[in-house]
C-alpha atoms as a PDB file:
ATOM      1  CA  MET A   1     106.240  69.485 112.711  1.00  0.00           C
ATOM      2  CA  SER A   2     110.095  69.481 113.116  1.00  0.00           C
ATOM      3  CA  GLU A   3     112.103  71.940 111.145  1.00  0.00           C
ATOM      4  CA  PRO A   4     114.749  70.433 108.825  1.00  0.00           C
ATOM      5  CA  SER A   5     118.380  71.397 109.309  1.00  0.00           C
ATOM      6  CA  ASP A   6     119.950  73.878 106.996  1.00  0.00           C
ATOM      7  CA  ARG A   7     121.946  72.386 104.269  1.00  0.00           C
ATOM      8  CA  THR A   8     124.745  73.911 102.130  1.00  0.00           C
ATOM      9  CA  ALA A   9     122.913  74.400  98.787  1.00  0.00           C
ATOM     10  CA  GLY A  10     124.474  72.664  95.704  1.00  0.00           C
ATOM     11  CA  VAL A  11     123.004  74.921  92.967  1.00  0.00           C
ATOM     12  CA  GLY A  12     126.325  76.505  92.375  1.00  0.00           C
ATOM     13  CA  ALA A  13     127.757  73.362  90.754  1.00  0.00           C
ATOM     14  CA  ARG A  14     125.095  73.577  88.092  1.00  0.00           C
ATOM     15  CA  ALA A  15     123.642  76.987  87.921  1.00  0.00           C
ATOM     16  CA  ASP A  16     124.683  79.442  85.171  1.00  0.00           C
ATOM     17  CA  SER A  17     127.145  81.586  87.064  1.00  0.00           C
ATOM     18  CA  GLY A  18     127.580  79.635  90.362  1.00  0.00           C
ATOM     19  CA  VAL A  19     126.290  80.267  93.743  1.00  0.00           C
ATOM     20  CA  GLU A  20     129.147  82.552  94.451  1.00  0.00           C
ATOM     21  CA  VAL A  21     127.652  85.151  92.225  1.00  0.00           C
ATOM     22  CA  PHE A  22     124.363  85.112  93.921  1.00  0.00           C
ATOM     23  CA  GLU A  23     126.069  85.197  97.319  1.00  0.00           C
ATOM     24  CA  ARG A  24     128.085  88.308  96.353  1.00  0.00           C
ATOM     25  CA  HIS A  25     124.881  89.952  95.190  1.00  0.00           C
ATOM     26  CA  TYR A  26     123.062  89.403  98.418  1.00  0.00           C
ATOM     27  CA  ALA A  27     126.039  90.207 100.441  1.00  0.00           C
ATOM     28  CA  GLY A  28     126.016  93.681  98.952  1.00  0.00           C
ATOM     29  CA  GLU A  29     128.407  93.717  95.937  1.00  0.00           C
ATOM     30  CA  PRO A  30     128.025  97.145  94.279  1.00  0.00           C
ATOM     31  CA  GLY A  31     126.177  97.145  90.901  1.00  0.00           C
ATOM     32  CA  ALA A  32     125.075  93.535  91.225  1.00  0.00           C
ATOM     33  CA  GLY A  33     121.375  94.209  92.250  1.00  0.00           C
ATOM     34  CA  TRP A  34     118.560  92.683  90.406  1.00  0.00           C
ATOM     35  CA  GLU A  35     115.804  92.383  93.010  1.00  0.00           C
ATOM     36  CA  ILE A  36     112.884  94.812  92.914  1.00  0.00           C
ATOM     37  CA  GLN A  37     112.195  94.645  96.719  1.00  0.00           C
ATOM     38  CA  ARG A  38     108.592  93.864  96.243  1.00  0.00           C
ATOM     39  CA  PRO A  39     106.531  90.823  95.038  1.00  0.00           C
ATOM     40  CA  GLN A  40     106.302  90.237  91.391  1.00  0.00           C
ATOM     41  CA  THR A  41     103.075  91.762  89.791  1.00  0.00           C
ATOM     42  CA  VAL A  42     101.943  88.394  88.488  1.00  0.00           C
ATOM     43  CA  LEU A  43     102.115  86.809  91.931  1.00  0.00           C
ATOM     44  CA  VAL A  44     100.256  89.721  93.606  1.00  0.00           C
ATOM     45  CA  ARG A  45      97.396  88.978  91.086  1.00  0.00           C
ATOM     46  CA  LEU A  46      97.513  85.253  91.832  1.00  0.00           C
ATOM     47  CA  ALA A  47      97.416  85.912  95.605  1.00  0.00           C
ATOM     48  CA  GLU A  48      94.439  88.252  95.156  1.00  0.00           C
ATOM     49  CA  GLU A  49      92.680  85.701  93.050  1.00  0.00           C
ATOM     50  CA  GLY A  50      93.286  82.960  95.769  1.00  0.00           C
ATOM     51  CA  ALA A  51      95.465  80.847  93.479  1.00  0.00           C
ATOM     52  CA  LEU A  52      98.143  80.491  96.118  1.00  0.00           C
ATOM     53  CA  ARG A  53      96.877  77.846  98.515  1.00  0.00           C
ATOM     54  CA  GLY A  54      97.814  75.621 101.395  1.00  0.00           C
ATOM     55  CA  ARG A  55     101.443  75.181 102.249  1.00  0.00           C
ATOM     56  CA  VAL A  56     103.683  77.294  99.916  1.00  0.00           C
ATOM     57  CA  LEU A  57     107.285  76.653  98.905  1.00  0.00           C
ATOM     58  CA  ASP A  58     109.251  79.468  97.078  1.00  0.00           C
ATOM     59  CA  VAL A  59     112.295  77.903  95.414  1.00  0.00           C
ATOM     60  CA  GLY A  60     115.043  80.295  94.788  1.00  0.00           C
ATOM     61  CA  CYS A  61     113.420  82.765  97.149  1.00  0.00           C
ATOM     62  CA  GLY A  62     116.195  85.408  97.103  1.00  0.00           C
ATOM     63  CA  SER A  63     115.536  88.141  99.822  1.00  0.00           C
ATOM     64  CA  GLY A  64     112.050  86.802 100.347  1.00  0.00           C
ATOM     65  CA  ASP A  65     109.551  89.194  98.922  1.00  0.00           C
ATOM     66  CA  ASN A  66     107.485  86.630  96.949  1.00  0.00           C
ATOM     67  CA  ALA A  67     107.386  84.163  99.929  1.00  0.00           C
ATOM     68  CA  LEU A  68     106.435  86.990 102.231  1.00  0.00           C
ATOM     69  CA  LEU A  69     103.514  87.854  99.849  1.00  0.00           C
ATOM     70  CA  ALA A  70     102.155  84.338 100.533  1.00  0.00           C
ATOM     71  CA  ALA A  71     102.746  84.766 104.260  1.00  0.00           C
ATOM     72  CA  GLU A  72     100.826  88.069 104.194  1.00  0.00           C
ATOM     73  CA  HIS A  73      97.829  86.126 102.865  1.00  0.00           C
ATOM     74  CA  GLY A  74      97.972  83.796 105.907  1.00  0.00           C
ATOM     75  CA  LEU A  75      99.617  80.800 104.098  1.00  0.00           C
ATOM     76  CA  GLU A  76     102.235  78.598 105.842  1.00  0.00           C
ATOM     77  CA  THR A  77     105.229  79.537 103.782  1.00  0.00           C
ATOM     78  CA  THR A  78     108.812  78.216 103.316  1.00  0.00           C
ATOM     79  CA  GLY A  79     111.473  79.878 101.134  1.00  0.00           C
ATOM     80  CA  VAL A  80     114.703  78.163 100.062  1.00  0.00           C
ATOM     81  CA  ASP A  81     117.751  79.569  98.391  1.00  0.00           C
ATOM     82  CA  ALA A  82     121.418  78.630  97.716  1.00  0.00           C
ATOM     83  CA  ALA A  83     122.823  81.927  98.997  1.00  0.00           C
ATOM     84  CA  PRO A  84     123.287  82.256 102.767  1.00  0.00           C
ATOM     85  CA  SER A  85     123.056  86.042 102.568  1.00  0.00           C
ATOM     86  CA  ALA A  86     119.686  85.861 100.707  1.00  0.00           C
ATOM     87  CA  ILE A  87     118.292  83.673 103.577  1.00  0.00           C
ATOM     88  CA  SER A  88     119.598  86.210 106.173  1.00  0.00           C
ATOM     89  CA  LEU A  89     117.985  89.055 104.239  1.00  0.00           C
ATOM     90  CA  ALA A  90     114.636  87.115 103.981  1.00  0.00           C
ATOM     91  CA  VAL A  91     114.636  86.323 107.712  1.00  0.00           C
ATOM     92  CA  GLY A  92     115.282  90.034 108.458  1.00  0.00           C
ATOM     93  CA  LYS A  93     112.404  91.153 106.288  1.00  0.00           C
ATOM     94  CA  ALA A  94     110.048  88.660 107.875  1.00  0.00           C
ATOM     95  CA  ARG A  95     111.013  89.975 111.289  1.00  0.00           C
ATOM     96  CA  GLU A  96     110.680  93.631 110.382  1.00  0.00           C
ATOM     97  CA  ARG A  97     107.252  93.042 108.826  1.00  0.00           C
ATOM     98  CA  GLY A  98     106.046  90.886 111.636  1.00  0.00           C
ATOM     99  CA  LEU A  99     105.330  87.901 109.353  1.00  0.00           C
ATOM    100  CA  LYS A 100     105.677  84.295 110.098  1.00  0.00           C
ATOM    101  CA  ALA A 101     107.604  82.440 107.350  1.00  0.00           C
ATOM    102  CA  ARG A 102     110.467  79.869 107.314  1.00  0.00           C
ATOM    103  CA  PHE A 103     113.601  80.391 105.230  1.00  0.00           C
ATOM    104  CA  LEU A 104     116.279  77.753 104.575  1.00  0.00           C
ATOM    105  CA  GLU A 105     119.604  77.500 102.678  1.00  0.00           C
ATOM    106  CA  TRP A 106     118.893  74.538 100.529  1.00  0.00           C
ATOM    107  CA  ASP A 107     119.815  72.815  97.298  1.00  0.00           C
ATOM    108  CA  ALA A 108     117.054  73.328  94.729  1.00  0.00           C
ATOM    109  CA  LEU A 109     118.112  70.021  93.104  1.00  0.00           C
ATOM    110  CA  ASP A 110     117.498  68.063  96.338  1.00  0.00           C
ATOM    111  CA  LEU A 111     114.172  69.388  97.461  1.00  0.00           C
ATOM    112  CA  ALA A 112     113.125  65.833  98.258  1.00  0.00           C
ATOM    113  CA  ALA A 113     115.550  65.921 101.232  1.00  0.00           C
ATOM    114  CA  LEU A 114     113.224  68.363 102.933  1.00  0.00           C
ATOM    115  CA  GLY A 115     110.934  65.399 103.657  1.00  0.00           C
ATOM    116  CA  GLU A 116     107.894  67.505 103.163  1.00  0.00           C
ATOM    117  CA  GLN A 117     105.038  68.211 100.789  1.00  0.00           C
ATOM    118  CA  PHE A 118     103.681  71.550  99.557  1.00  0.00           C
ATOM    119  CA  ASP A 119     100.430  72.456  97.856  1.00  0.00           C
ATOM    120  CA  THR A 120     101.818  75.393  95.960  1.00  0.00           C
ATOM    121  CA  LEU A 121     105.295  75.894  94.542  1.00  0.00           C
ATOM    122  CA  ILE A 122     106.680  79.320  93.291  1.00  0.00           C
ATOM    123  CA  ASP A 123     109.702  79.792  91.111  1.00  0.00           C
ATOM    124  CA  VAL A 124     110.521  83.351  89.974  1.00  0.00           C
ATOM    125  CA  GLY A 125     113.927  83.502  88.308  1.00  0.00           C
ATOM    126  CA  LEU A 126     115.457  80.107  89.273  1.00  0.00           C
ATOM    127  CA  PHE A 127     114.732  77.832  86.314  1.00  0.00           C
ATOM    128  CA  HIS A 128     116.567  80.040  83.752  1.00  0.00           C
ATOM    129  CA  CYS A 129     119.738  79.807  85.861  1.00  0.00           C
ATOM    130  CA  PHE A 130     120.283  76.163  84.904  1.00  0.00           C
ATOM    131  CA  ALA A 131     121.923  74.729  81.857  1.00  0.00           C
ATOM    132  CA  PRO A 132     119.558  73.034  79.368  1.00  0.00           C
ATOM    133  CA  GLU A 133     120.715  69.609  80.430  1.00  0.00           C
ATOM    134  CA  ASP A 134     119.916  70.231  84.020  1.00  0.00           C
ATOM    135  CA  ARG A 135     116.418  71.705  83.555  1.00  0.00           C
ATOM    136  CA  PRO A 136     114.635  68.241  83.823  1.00  0.00           C
ATOM    137  CA  LEU A 137     116.481  67.770  87.018  1.00  0.00           C
ATOM    138  CA  VAL A 138     115.004  70.953  88.447  1.00  0.00           C
ATOM    139  CA  ALA A 139     111.470  69.966  87.359  1.00  0.00           C
ATOM    140  CA  ARG A 140     111.831  66.523  88.961  1.00  0.00           C
ATOM    141  CA  SER A 141     113.142  67.926  92.209  1.00  0.00           C
ATOM    142  CA  MET A 142     110.069  70.249  92.296  1.00  0.00           C
ATOM    143  CA  ALA A 143     107.715  67.375  91.563  1.00  0.00           C
ATOM    144  CA  SER A 144     109.256  65.519  94.575  1.00  0.00           C
ATOM    145  CA  VAL A 145     107.697  67.944  97.056  1.00  0.00           C
ATOM    146  CA  VAL A 146     104.214  68.513  95.451  1.00  0.00           C
ATOM    147  CA  PRO A 147     101.498  65.913  95.666  1.00  0.00           C
ATOM    148  CA  PRO A 148      99.126  65.142  92.813  1.00  0.00           C
ATOM    149  CA  GLY A 149      96.890  68.107  92.373  1.00  0.00           C
ATOM    150  CA  GLY A 150      99.363  70.588  93.653  1.00  0.00           C
ATOM    151  CA  ARG A 151     100.298  73.632  91.553  1.00  0.00           C
ATOM    152  CA  CYS A 152     103.460  75.288  90.372  1.00  0.00           C
ATOM    153  CA  PHE A 153     103.689  78.829  89.119  1.00  0.00           C
ATOM    154  CA  LEU A 154     106.976  79.663  87.316  1.00  0.00           C
ATOM    155  CA  MET A 155     108.441  82.725  85.722  1.00  0.00           C
ATOM    156  CA  CYS A 156     111.684  82.492  83.683  1.00  0.00           C
ATOM    157  CA  PHE A 157     113.582  84.608  81.133  1.00  0.00           C
ATOM    158  CA  SER A 158     112.224  84.131  77.619  1.00  0.00           C
ATOM    159  CA  ASP A 159     114.028  83.699  74.330  1.00  0.00           C
ATOM    160  CA  ARG A 160     111.861  86.725  73.242  1.00  0.00           C
ATOM    161  CA  GLN A 161     114.042  89.023  75.272  1.00  0.00           C
ATOM    162  CA  PRO A 162     116.528  90.913  72.978  1.00  0.00           C
ATOM    163  CA  GLY A 163     120.201  90.967  73.611  1.00  0.00           C
ATOM    164  CA  THR A 164     122.555  88.595  75.252  1.00  0.00           C
ATOM    165  CA  TRP A 165     123.091  90.188  78.768  1.00  0.00           C
ATOM    166  CA  GLY A 166     121.554  88.599  81.844  1.00  0.00           C
ATOM    167  CA  PRO A 167     120.272  85.008  82.346  1.00  0.00           C
ATOM    168  CA  ARG A 168     120.007  82.290  79.704  1.00  0.00           C
ATOM    169  CA  ARG A 169     117.056  82.728  77.434  1.00  0.00           C
ATOM    170  CA  VAL A 170     114.600  79.747  77.741  1.00  0.00           C
ATOM    171  CA  PRO A 171     112.456  78.642  74.734  1.00  0.00           C
ATOM    172  CA  GLU A 172     108.859  77.922  75.431  1.00  0.00           C
ATOM    173  CA  GLN A 173     109.402  74.391  74.267  1.00  0.00           C
ATOM    174  CA  ALA A 174     112.164  73.785  76.874  1.00  0.00           C
ATOM    175  CA  VAL A 175     109.764  74.660  79.720  1.00  0.00           C
ATOM    176  CA  ARG A 176     107.125  72.296  78.387  1.00  0.00           C
ATOM    177  CA  GLU A 177     109.490  69.383  77.723  1.00  0.00           C
ATOM    178  CA  SER A 178     111.206  69.729  81.181  1.00  0.00           C
ATOM    179  CA  PHE A 179     107.969  69.712  83.191  1.00  0.00           C
ATOM    180  CA  THR A 180     105.794  67.379  81.195  1.00  0.00           C
ATOM    181  CA  GLY A 181     108.583  64.758  81.381  1.00  0.00           C
ATOM    182  CA  ALA A 182     108.773  65.158  85.126  1.00  0.00           C
ATOM    183  CA  GLY A 183     105.187  64.537  86.155  1.00  0.00           C
ATOM    184  CA  TRP A 184     103.572  67.893  85.553  1.00  0.00           C
ATOM    185  CA  ARG A 185     100.719  69.090  83.416  1.00  0.00           C
ATOM    186  CA  VAL A 186     101.304  72.430  81.858  1.00  0.00           C
ATOM    187  CA  ASP A 187      97.927  74.226  82.157  1.00  0.00           C
ATOM    188  CA  THR A 188      99.001  77.564  80.785  1.00  0.00           C
ATOM    189  CA  LEU A 189     102.233  78.819  79.406  1.00  0.00           C
ATOM    190  CA  GLU A 190     102.163  82.402  78.082  1.00  0.00           C
ATOM    191  CA  ALA A 191     104.297  85.408  77.411  1.00  0.00           C
ATOM    192  CA  ALA A 192     104.674  87.767  80.312  1.00  0.00           C
ATOM    193  CA  GLU A 193     106.666  90.538  81.694  1.00  0.00           C
ATOM    194  CA  LEU A 194     109.128  89.941  84.530  1.00  0.00           C
ATOM    195  CA  ASP A 195     109.575  92.979  86.867  1.00  0.00           C
ATOM    196  CA  VAL A 196     113.300  93.744  87.013  1.00  0.00           C
ATOM    197  CA  ALA A 197     115.385  96.362  88.873  1.00  0.00           C
ATOM    198  CA  PHE A 198     117.027  97.834  85.689  1.00  0.00           C
ATOM    199  CA  HIS A 199     115.840  99.783  82.675  1.00  0.00           C
ATOM    200  CA  PRO A 200     113.174  99.540  81.299  1.00  0.00           C
ATOM    201  CA  GLY A 201     111.879  97.846  84.441  1.00  0.00           C
ATOM    202  CA  VAL A 202     110.568  94.681  82.774  1.00  0.00           C
ATOM    203  CA  ALA A 203     112.091  91.747  80.888  1.00  0.00           C
ATOM    204  CA  GLN A 204     110.381  89.281  78.537  1.00  0.00           C
ATOM    205  CA  ALA A 205     109.505  86.027  80.362  1.00  0.00           C
ATOM    206  CA  TRP A 206     107.446  82.963  80.255  1.00  0.00           C
ATOM    207  CA  PHE A 207     104.760  82.507  82.911  1.00  0.00           C
ATOM    208  CA  ALA A 208     103.639  78.799  83.428  1.00  0.00           C
ATOM    209  CA  ALA A 209     100.863  77.538  85.577  1.00  0.00           C
ATOM    210  CA  MET A 210     101.208  73.755  86.089  1.00  0.00           C
ATOM    211  CA  THR A 211      99.552  70.889  88.030  1.00  0.00           C
ATOM    212  CA  ARG A 212     101.290  67.916  89.551  1.00  0.00           C
ATOM    213  CA  LEU A 213      99.930  64.687  88.031  1.00  0.00           C
END
């Protein structure tokens, strides 16, 4: 299978703070860190249960730890992110760990341009970066690369999280409406804790498991 060319990702035009913020973070801006440098606890459990299957796509992969979890379990894995420095970090981690995974700079709103299909899609922390009017576009883009019966596992900031700092808070109904209107069945949608790099170590999130119709 031929590898698609890298593309300049367009998330910055629509995401909450713009791709420049993410690029500065991954390029090493002091005080901008949010990654935990390990896979999310929820995804570790899913991998151990065998829920991650087939070809895996991690959308908004950051520096690659969740994608590399899938690779560790022997799955053909691709990670995409808007920030070039994130992709560079992910490639470096794969090399250091001796893992085979592909990482591409790509537009999360144009996943169809990959020209590929994936059995499992992961999104940890991308969906909540988008404004409410763009959330259905994200869900449709994800649907474009997953065939019927494929799965999506998503974690996003919840409106249950106190305060106003950090990403937009996403109501449960916003997740349901965005994805059910884009060709997904929401199998489970439950309160969860997102592992974060700042005190107290977790943030309130939604965890959704969905099937492509």
